[in-house]
Amino acid sequence: MTKEKIEQLPQVIEEDGSLRLSEEIKVGYVYELAFEGSDSDAERLEKLTGLTLLGISDNSFREQRKCSITGKLTNNRAFLGRMY
């Protein structure tokens, strides 16, 4: 995985009980995000993006960030991408 193909996940916006992304997902990219959620939260994220949660990195964020789904502060760095 090269750094040129890793993007920050667009902002997840909740409106009227449903989720949407602030931008479209680009084909061929892996997305990096802060994630502090349950299996159910991961499933919501995967359905929203059409991507698969590839896992939590051993290389955490230095500063806490808000989880893209729950809003909880975390250092967990996760990756979303297509599984082929």
PDB file of N, CA and C in Angstrom:
ATOM      1  N   MET A   1       0.850  -1.172   0.000  1.00  0.00           N
ATOM      2  CA  MET A   1       0.000   0.000   0.000  1.00  0.00           C
ATOM      3  C   MET A   1       0.896   1.236   0.000  1.00  0.00           C
ATOM      4  N   THR A   2       0.800   2.073  -1.016  1.00  0.00           N
ATOM      5  CA  THR A   2       1.611   3.275  -1.083  1.00  0.00           C
ATOM      6  C   THR A   2       0.832   4.456  -0.515  1.00  0.00           C
ATOM      7  N   LYS A   3       1.554   5.411   0.041  1.00  0.00           N
ATOM      8  CA  LYS A   3       0.907   6.583   0.643  1.00  0.00           C
ATOM      9  C   LYS A   3       0.079   7.371  -0.367  1.00  0.00           C
ATOM     10  N   GLU A   4       0.451   7.314  -1.645  1.00  0.00           N
ATOM     11  CA  GLU A   4      -0.289   8.054  -2.661  1.00  0.00           C
ATOM     12  C   GLU A   4      -1.708   7.526  -2.825  1.00  0.00           C
ATOM     13  N   LYS A   5      -1.936   6.294  -2.433  1.00  0.00           N
ATOM     14  CA  LYS A   5      -3.247   5.668  -2.594  1.00  0.00           C
ATOM     15  C   LYS A   5      -4.041   5.630  -1.286  1.00  0.00           C
ATOM     16  N   ILE A   6      -3.569   6.339  -0.253  1.00  0.00           N
ATOM     17  CA  ILE A   6      -4.291   6.402   1.019  1.00  0.00           C
ATOM     18  C   ILE A   6      -4.859   7.801   1.179  1.00  0.00           C
ATOM     19  N   GLU A   7      -6.160   7.871   1.409  1.00  0.00           N
ATOM     20  CA  GLU A   7      -6.864   9.145   1.583  1.00  0.00           C
ATOM     21  C   GLU A   7      -7.557   9.145   2.942  1.00  0.00           C
ATOM     22  N   GLN A   8      -7.823  10.327   3.458  1.00  0.00           N
ATOM     23  CA  GLN A   8      -8.657  10.450   4.650  1.00  0.00           C
ATOM     24  C   GLN A   8     -10.099  10.184   4.236  1.00  0.00           C
ATOM     25  N   LEU A   9     -10.816   9.434   5.054  1.00  0.00           N
ATOM     26  CA  LEU A   9     -12.218   9.183   4.763  1.00  0.00           C
ATOM     27  C   LEU A   9     -12.983  10.499   4.783  1.00  0.00           C
ATOM     28  N   PRO A  10     -13.830  10.753   3.776  1.00  0.00           N
ATOM     29  CA  PRO A  10     -14.651  11.966   3.822  1.00  0.00           C
ATOM     30  C   PRO A  10     -15.499  11.981   5.096  1.00  0.00           C
ATOM     31  N   GLN A  11     -15.916  13.148   5.482  1.00  0.00           N
ATOM     32  CA  GLN A  11     -16.710  13.304   6.702  1.00  0.00           C
ATOM     33  C   GLN A  11     -18.021  12.535   6.593  1.00  0.00           C
ATOM     34  N   VAL A  12     -18.357  11.838   7.676  1.00  0.00           N
ATOM     35  CA  VAL A  12     -19.635  11.131   7.771  1.00  0.00           C
ATOM     36  C   VAL A  12     -20.633  12.094   8.392  1.00  0.00           C
ATOM     37  N   ILE A  13     -21.754  12.311   7.699  1.00  0.00           N
ATOM     38  CA  ILE A  13     -22.775  13.261   8.143  1.00  0.00           C
ATOM     39  C   ILE A  13     -24.057  12.505   8.433  1.00  0.00           C
ATOM     40  N   GLU A  14     -24.633  12.766   9.603  1.00  0.00           N
ATOM     41  CA  GLU A  14     -25.906  12.142   9.959  1.00  0.00           C
ATOM     42  C   GLU A  14     -27.018  13.172   9.795  1.00  0.00           C
ATOM     43  N   GLU A  15     -28.016  12.807   8.998  1.00  0.00           N
ATOM     44  CA  GLU A  15     -29.167  13.675   8.758  1.00  0.00           C
ATOM     45  C   GLU A  15     -30.434  12.844   8.835  1.00  0.00           C
ATOM     46  N   ASP A  16     -31.361  13.269   9.680  1.00  0.00           N
ATOM     47  CA  ASP A  16     -32.642  12.583   9.801  1.00  0.00           C
ATOM     48  C   ASP A  16     -32.490  11.080  10.033  1.00  0.00           C
ATOM     49  N   GLY A  17     -31.507  10.703  10.857  1.00  0.00           N
ATOM     50  CA  GLY A  17     -31.314   9.296  11.198  1.00  0.00           C
ATOM     51  C   GLY A  17     -30.573   8.475  10.175  1.00  0.00           C
ATOM     52  N   SER A  18     -30.166   9.074   9.061  1.00  0.00           N
ATOM     53  CA  SER A  18     -29.395   8.317   8.065  1.00  0.00           C
ATOM     54  C   SER A  18     -28.021   8.958   7.886  1.00  0.00           C
ATOM     55  N   LEU A  19     -27.088   8.169   7.372  1.00  0.00           N
ATOM     56  CA  LEU A  19     -25.717   8.625   7.188  1.00  0.00           C
ATOM     57  C   LEU A  19     -25.422   8.870   5.716  1.00  0.00           C
ATOM     58  N   ARG A  20     -24.544   9.834   5.462  1.00  0.00           N
ATOM     59  CA  ARG A  20     -24.035  10.078   4.117  1.00  0.00           C
ATOM     60  C   ARG A  20     -22.611  10.605   4.240  1.00  0.00           C
ATOM     61  N   LEU A  21     -21.870  10.545   3.147  1.00  0.00           N
ATOM     62  CA  LEU A  21     -20.508  11.065   3.115  1.00  0.00           C
ATOM     63  C   LEU A  21     -20.488  12.449   2.492  1.00  0.00           C
ATOM     64  N   SER A  22     -19.563  13.286   2.928  1.00  0.00           N
ATOM     65  CA  SER A  22     -19.445  14.640   2.388  1.00  0.00           C
ATOM     66  C   SER A  22     -18.914  14.641   0.955  1.00  0.00           C
ATOM     67  N   GLU A  23     -18.239  13.564   0.551  1.00  0.00           N
ATOM     68  CA  GLU A  23     -17.692  13.420  -0.800  1.00  0.00           C
ATOM     69  C   GLU A  23     -17.853  11.979  -1.249  1.00  0.00           C
ATOM     70  N   GLU A  24     -17.772  11.763  -2.544  1.00  0.00           N
ATOM     71  CA  GLU A  24     -17.837  10.404  -3.082  1.00  0.00           C
ATOM     72  C   GLU A  24     -16.543   9.651  -2.803  1.00  0.00           C
ATOM     73  N   ILE A  25     -16.663   8.334  -2.691  1.00  0.00           N
ATOM     74  CA  ILE A  25     -15.513   7.452  -2.526  1.00  0.00           C
ATOM     75  C   ILE A  25     -14.840   7.278  -3.895  1.00  0.00           C
ATOM     76  N   LYS A  26     -13.514   7.378  -3.928  1.00  0.00           N
ATOM     77  CA  LYS A  26     -12.747   7.201  -5.161  1.00  0.00           C
ATOM     78  C   LYS A  26     -12.373   5.725  -5.319  1.00  0.00           C
ATOM     79  N   VAL A  27     -12.466   5.237  -6.522  1.00  0.00           N
ATOM     80  CA  VAL A  27     -12.100   3.849  -6.827  1.00  0.00           C
ATOM     81  C   VAL A  27     -10.576   3.703  -6.748  1.00  0.00           C
ATOM     82  N   GLY A  28     -10.123   2.597  -6.170  1.00  0.00           N
ATOM     83  CA  GLY A  28      -8.698   2.300  -6.138  1.00  0.00           C
ATOM     84  C   GLY A  28      -7.945   2.872  -4.957  1.00  0.00           C
ATOM     85  N   TYR A  29      -8.642   3.464  -4.002  1.00  0.00           N
ATOM     86  CA  TYR A  29      -7.999   4.059  -2.841  1.00  0.00           C
ATOM     87  C   TYR A  29      -8.338   3.284  -1.577  1.00  0.00           C
ATOM     88  N   VAL A  30      -7.435   3.373  -0.614  1.00  0.00           N
ATOM     89  CA  VAL A  30      -7.670   2.904   0.747  1.00  0.00           C
ATOM     90  C   VAL A  30      -7.909   4.160   1.574  1.00  0.00           C
ATOM     91  N   TYR A  31      -8.865   4.090   2.475  1.00  0.00           N
ATOM     92  CA  TYR A  31      -9.208   5.242   3.297  1.00  0.00           C
ATOM     93  C   TYR A  31      -8.797   5.028   4.744  1.00  0.00           C
ATOM     94  N   GLU A  32      -8.199   6.070   5.308  1.00  0.00           N
ATOM     95  CA  GLU A  32      -7.751   6.067   6.695  1.00  0.00           C
ATOM     96  C   GLU A  32      -8.778   6.830   7.523  1.00  0.00           C
ATOM     97  N   LEU A  33      -9.041   6.341   8.724  1.00  0.00           N
ATOM     98  CA  LEU A  33     -10.009   7.014   9.590  1.00  0.00           C
ATOM     99  C   LEU A  33      -9.741   6.665  11.039  1.00  0.00           C
ATOM    100  N   ALA A  34     -10.286   7.478  11.927  1.00  0.00           N
ATOM    101  CA  ALA A  34     -10.301   7.169  13.354  1.00  0.00           C
ATOM    102  C   ALA A  34     -11.534   6.306  13.595  1.00  0.00           C
ATOM    103  N   PHE A  35     -11.345   5.192  14.324  1.00  0.00           N
ATOM    104  CA  PHE A  35     -12.479   4.298  14.565  1.00  0.00           C
ATOM    105  C   PHE A  35     -12.454   3.786  15.992  1.00  0.00           C
ATOM    106  N   GLU A  36     -13.537   4.011  16.697  1.00  0.00           N
ATOM    107  CA  GLU A  36     -13.731   3.530  18.068  1.00  0.00           C
ATOM    108  C   GLU A  36     -15.180   3.092  18.182  1.00  0.00           C
ATOM    109  N   GLY A  37     -15.470   1.957  17.583  1.00  0.00           N
ATOM    110  CA  GLY A  37     -16.853   1.511  17.548  1.00  0.00           C
ATOM    111  C   GLY A  37     -16.985   0.011  17.688  1.00  0.00           C
ATOM    112  N   SER A  38     -18.224  -0.436  17.644  1.00  0.00           N
ATOM    113  CA  SER A  38     -18.561  -1.852  17.772  1.00  0.00           C
ATOM    114  C   SER A  38     -18.603  -2.509  16.391  1.00  0.00           C
ATOM    115  N   ASP A  39     -18.873  -3.813  16.384  1.00  0.00           N
ATOM    116  CA  ASP A  39     -19.059  -4.524  15.119  1.00  0.00           C
ATOM    117  C   ASP A  39     -20.230  -3.932  14.340  1.00  0.00           C
ATOM    118  N   SER A  40     -21.267  -3.521  15.060  1.00  0.00           N
ATOM    119  CA  SER A  40     -22.435  -2.905  14.429  1.00  0.00           C
ATOM    120  C   SER A  40     -22.057  -1.581  13.761  1.00  0.00           C
ATOM    121  N   ASP A  41     -21.210  -0.797  14.424  1.00  0.00           N
ATOM    122  CA  ASP A  41     -20.740   0.476  13.849  1.00  0.00           C
ATOM    123  C   ASP A  41     -19.899   0.210  12.604  1.00  0.00           C
ATOM    124  N   ALA A  42     -19.073  -0.826  12.652  1.00  0.00           N
ATOM    125  CA  ALA A  42     -18.243  -1.193  11.485  1.00  0.00           C
ATOM    126  C   ALA A  42     -19.131  -1.591  10.316  1.00  0.00           C
ATOM    127  N   GLU A  43     -20.198  -2.325  10.605  1.00  0.00           N
ATOM    128  CA  GLU A  43     -21.131  -2.744   9.551  1.00  0.00           C
ATOM    129  C   GLU A  43     -21.823  -1.535   8.920  1.00  0.00           C
ATOM    130  N   ARG A  44     -22.224  -0.573   9.742  1.00  0.00           N
ATOM    131  CA  ARG A  44     -22.844   0.659   9.205  1.00  0.00           C
ATOM    132  C   ARG A  44     -21.873   1.394   8.294  1.00  0.00           C
ATOM    133  N   LEU A  45     -20.621   1.472   8.712  1.00  0.00           N
ATOM    134  CA  LEU A  45     -19.596   2.152   7.930  1.00  0.00           C
ATOM    135  C   LEU A  45     -19.358   1.435   6.601  1.00  0.00           C
ATOM    136  N   GLU A  46     -19.314   0.106   6.641  1.00  0.00           N
ATOM    137  CA  GLU A  46     -19.107  -0.673   5.418  1.00  0.00           C
ATOM    138  C   GLU A  46     -20.280  -0.523   4.458  1.00  0.00           C
ATOM    139  N   LYS A  47     -21.495  -0.510   4.972  1.00  0.00           N
ATOM    140  CA  LYS A  47     -22.670  -0.327   4.113  1.00  0.00           C
ATOM    141  C   LYS A  47     -22.686   1.067   3.502  1.00  0.00           C
ATOM    142  N   LEU A  48     -22.293   2.057   4.284  1.00  0.00           N
ATOM    143  CA  LEU A  48     -22.271   3.439   3.811  1.00  0.00           C
ATOM    144  C   LEU A  48     -21.260   3.633   2.682  1.00  0.00           C
ATOM    145  N   THR A  49     -20.083   3.041   2.828  1.00  0.00           N
ATOM    146  CA  THR A  49     -18.994   3.291   1.886  1.00  0.00           C
ATOM    147  C   THR A  49     -18.882   2.256   0.770  1.00  0.00           C
ATOM    148  N   GLY A  50     -19.430   1.062   0.995  1.00  0.00           N
ATOM    149  CA  GLY A  50     -19.243  -0.020   0.040  1.00  0.00           C
ATOM    150  C   GLY A  50     -17.857  -0.630   0.144  1.00  0.00           C
ATOM    151  N   LEU A  51     -17.127  -0.284   1.200  1.00  0.00           N
ATOM    152  CA  LEU A  51     -15.779  -0.786   1.424  1.00  0.00           C
ATOM    153  C   LEU A  51     -15.772  -1.726   2.625  1.00  0.00           C
ATOM    154  N   THR A  52     -14.638  -2.365   2.868  1.00  0.00           N
ATOM    155  CA  THR A  52     -14.478  -3.285   3.979  1.00  0.00           C
ATOM    156  C   THR A  52     -13.505  -2.704   4.986  1.00  0.00           C
ATOM    157  N   LEU A  53     -13.837  -2.800   6.271  1.00  0.00           N
ATOM    158  CA  LEU A  53     -12.913  -2.386   7.319  1.00  0.00           C
ATOM    159  C   LEU A  53     -11.775  -3.399   7.337  1.00  0.00           C
ATOM    160  N   LEU A  54     -10.591  -2.954   6.952  1.00  0.00           N
ATOM    161  CA  LEU A  54      -9.442  -3.850   6.802  1.00  0.00           C
ATOM    162  C   LEU A  54      -8.757  -4.134   8.128  1.00  0.00           C
ATOM    163  N   GLY A  55      -8.954  -3.267   9.104  1.00  0.00           N
ATOM    164  CA  GLY A  55      -8.368  -3.495  10.416  1.00  0.00           C
ATOM    165  C   GLY A  55      -7.887  -2.220  11.069  1.00  0.00           C
ATOM    166  N   ILE A  56      -7.451  -2.389  12.320  1.00  0.00           N
ATOM    167  CA  ILE A  56      -6.909  -1.293  13.120  1.00  0.00           C
ATOM    168  C   ILE A  56      -5.387  -1.391  13.047  1.00  0.00           C
ATOM    169  N   SER A  57      -4.741  -0.280  12.765  1.00  0.00           N
ATOM    170  CA  SER A  57      -3.293  -0.238  12.615  1.00  0.00           C
ATOM    171  C   SER A  57      -2.591  -0.314  13.972  1.00  0.00           C
ATOM    172  N   ASP A  58      -1.396  -0.903  13.985  1.00  0.00           N
ATOM    173  CA  ASP A  58      -0.537  -0.856  15.171  1.00  0.00           C
ATOM    174  C   ASP A  58       0.057   0.535  15.347  1.00  0.00           C
ATOM    175  N   ASN A  59       0.033   1.334  14.277  1.00  0.00           N
ATOM    176  CA  ASN A  59       0.564   2.690  14.279  1.00  0.00           C
ATOM    177  C   ASN A  59      -0.582   3.676  14.545  1.00  0.00           C
ATOM    178  N   SER A  60      -0.854   3.948  15.817  1.00  0.00           N
ATOM    179  CA  SER A  60      -1.978   4.806  16.208  1.00  0.00           C
ATOM    180  C   SER A  60      -1.713   6.269  15.871  1.00  0.00           C
ATOM    181  N   PHE A  61      -2.789   7.066  15.831  1.00  0.00           N
ATOM    182  CA  PHE A  61      -2.649   8.510  15.682  1.00  0.00           C
ATOM    183  C   PHE A  61      -1.976   9.065  16.935  1.00  0.00           C
ATOM    184  N   ARG A  62      -1.129  10.065  16.783  1.00  0.00           N
ATOM    185  CA  ARG A  62      -0.462  10.693  17.937  1.00  0.00           C
ATOM    186  C   ARG A  62      -1.463  11.450  18.800  1.00  0.00           C
ATOM    187  N   GLU A  63      -2.354  12.160  18.149  1.00  0.00           N
ATOM    188  CA  GLU A  63      -3.380  12.947  18.846  1.00  0.00           C
ATOM    189  C   GLU A  63      -4.724  12.244  18.703  1.00  0.00           C
ATOM    190  N   GLN A  64      -5.557  12.343  19.729  1.00  0.00           N
ATOM    191  CA  GLN A  64      -6.877  11.742  19.627  1.00  0.00           C
ATOM    192  C   GLN A  64      -7.709  12.456  18.559  1.00  0.00           C
ATOM    193  N   ARG A  65      -8.520  11.673  17.876  1.00  0.00           N
ATOM    194  CA  ARG A  65      -9.434  12.183  16.850  1.00  0.00           C
ATOM    195  C   ARG A  65     -10.820  11.623  17.122  1.00  0.00           C
ATOM    196  N   LYS A  66     -11.825  12.262  16.548  1.00  0.00           N
ATOM    197  CA  LYS A  66     -13.192  11.758  16.695  1.00  0.00           C
ATOM    198  C   LYS A  66     -13.413  10.580  15.771  1.00  0.00           C
ATOM    199  N   CYS A  67     -13.999   9.514  16.309  1.00  0.00           N
ATOM    200  CA  CYS A  67     -14.373   8.360  15.504  1.00  0.00           C
ATOM    201  C   CYS A  67     -15.352   8.821  14.425  1.00  0.00           C
ATOM    202  N   SER A  68     -15.158   8.334  13.225  1.00  0.00           N
ATOM    203  CA  SER A  68     -15.997   8.738  12.095  1.00  0.00           C
ATOM    204  C   SER A  68     -17.461   8.364  12.268  1.00  0.00           C
ATOM    205  N   ILE A  69     -17.757   7.336  13.061  1.00  0.00           N
ATOM    206  CA  ILE A  69     -19.133   6.884  13.245  1.00  0.00           C
ATOM    207  C   ILE A  69     -19.704   7.288  14.600  1.00  0.00           C
ATOM    208  N   THR A  70     -18.963   7.042  15.685  1.00  0.00           N
ATOM    209  CA  THR A  70     -19.510   7.263  17.029  1.00  0.00           C
ATOM    210  C   THR A  70     -19.241   8.655  17.581  1.00  0.00           C
ATOM    211  N   GLY A  71     -18.204   9.314  17.071  1.00  0.00           N
ATOM    212  CA  GLY A  71     -17.826  10.621  17.599  1.00  0.00           C
ATOM    213  C   GLY A  71     -16.958  10.538  18.850  1.00  0.00           C
ATOM    214  N   LYS A  72     -16.683   9.314  19.348  1.00  0.00           N
ATOM    215  CA  LYS A  72     -15.826   9.133  20.524  1.00  0.00           C
ATOM    216  C   LYS A  72     -14.382   9.463  20.150  1.00  0.00           C
ATOM    217  N   LEU A  73     -13.657  10.045  21.111  1.00  0.00           N
ATOM    218  CA  LEU A  73     -12.241  10.332  20.875  1.00  0.00           C
ATOM    219  C   LEU A  73     -11.434   9.045  20.948  1.00  0.00           C
ATOM    220  N   THR A  74     -10.482   8.908  20.019  1.00  0.00           N
ATOM    221  CA  THR A  74      -9.664   7.697  19.955  1.00  0.00           C
ATOM    222  C   THR A  74      -8.338   7.982  19.262  1.00  0.00           C
ATOM    223  N   ASN A  75      -7.377   7.127  19.526  1.00  0.00           N
ATOM    224  CA  ASN A  75      -6.105   7.142  18.803  1.00  0.00           C
ATOM    225  C   ASN A  75      -6.068   6.043  17.751  1.00  0.00           C
ATOM    226  N   ASN A  76      -7.106   5.214  17.695  1.00  0.00           N
ATOM    227  CA  ASN A  76      -7.151   4.080  16.765  1.00  0.00           C
ATOM    228  C   ASN A  76      -7.192   4.543  15.317  1.00  0.00           C
ATOM    229  N   ARG A  77      -6.217   4.086  14.553  1.00  0.00           N
ATOM    230  CA  ARG A  77      -6.151   4.360  13.112  1.00  0.00           C
ATOM    231  C   ARG A  77      -6.644   3.100  12.399  1.00  0.00           C
ATOM    232  N   ALA A  78      -7.691   3.243  11.604  1.00  0.00           N
ATOM    233  CA  ALA A  78      -8.248   2.112  10.877  1.00  0.00           C
ATOM    234  C   ALA A  78      -8.175   2.394   9.379  1.00  0.00           C
ATOM    235  N   PHE A  79      -8.332   1.316   8.597  1.00  0.00           N
ATOM    236  CA  PHE A  79      -8.287   1.437   7.152  1.00  0.00           C
ATOM    237  C   PHE A  79      -9.508   0.749   6.540  1.00  0.00           C
ATOM    238  N   LEU A  80     -10.072   1.408   5.522  1.00  0.00           N
ATOM    239  CA  LEU A  80     -11.186   0.874   4.732  1.00  0.00           C
ATOM    240  C   LEU A  80     -10.711   0.712   3.304  1.00  0.00           C
ATOM    241  N   GLY A  81     -11.090  -0.371   2.661  1.00  0.00           N
ATOM    242  CA  GLY A  81     -10.725  -0.561   1.267  1.00  0.00           C
ATOM    243  C   GLY A  81     -11.523  -1.676   0.644  1.00  0.00           C
ATOM    244  N   ARG A  82     -11.309  -1.895  -0.632  1.00  0.00           N
ATOM    245  CA  ARG A  82     -11.976  -2.987  -1.359  1.00  0.00           C
ATOM    246  C   ARG A  82     -11.180  -4.270  -1.169  1.00  0.00           C
ATOM    247  N   MET A  83     -11.912  -5.342  -0.969  1.00  0.00           N
ATOM    248  CA  MET A  83     -11.288  -6.664  -0.904  1.00  0.00           C
ATOM    249  C   MET A  83     -11.542  -7.326  -2.263  1.00  0.00           C
ATOM    250  N   TYR A  84     -10.518  -7.833  -2.869  1.00  0.00           N
ATOM    251  CA  TYR A  84     -10.648  -8.474  -4.175  1.00  0.00           C
ATOM    252  C   TYR A  84     -10.427  -9.957  -4.059  1.00  0.00           C
TER     253      TYR A  84
END
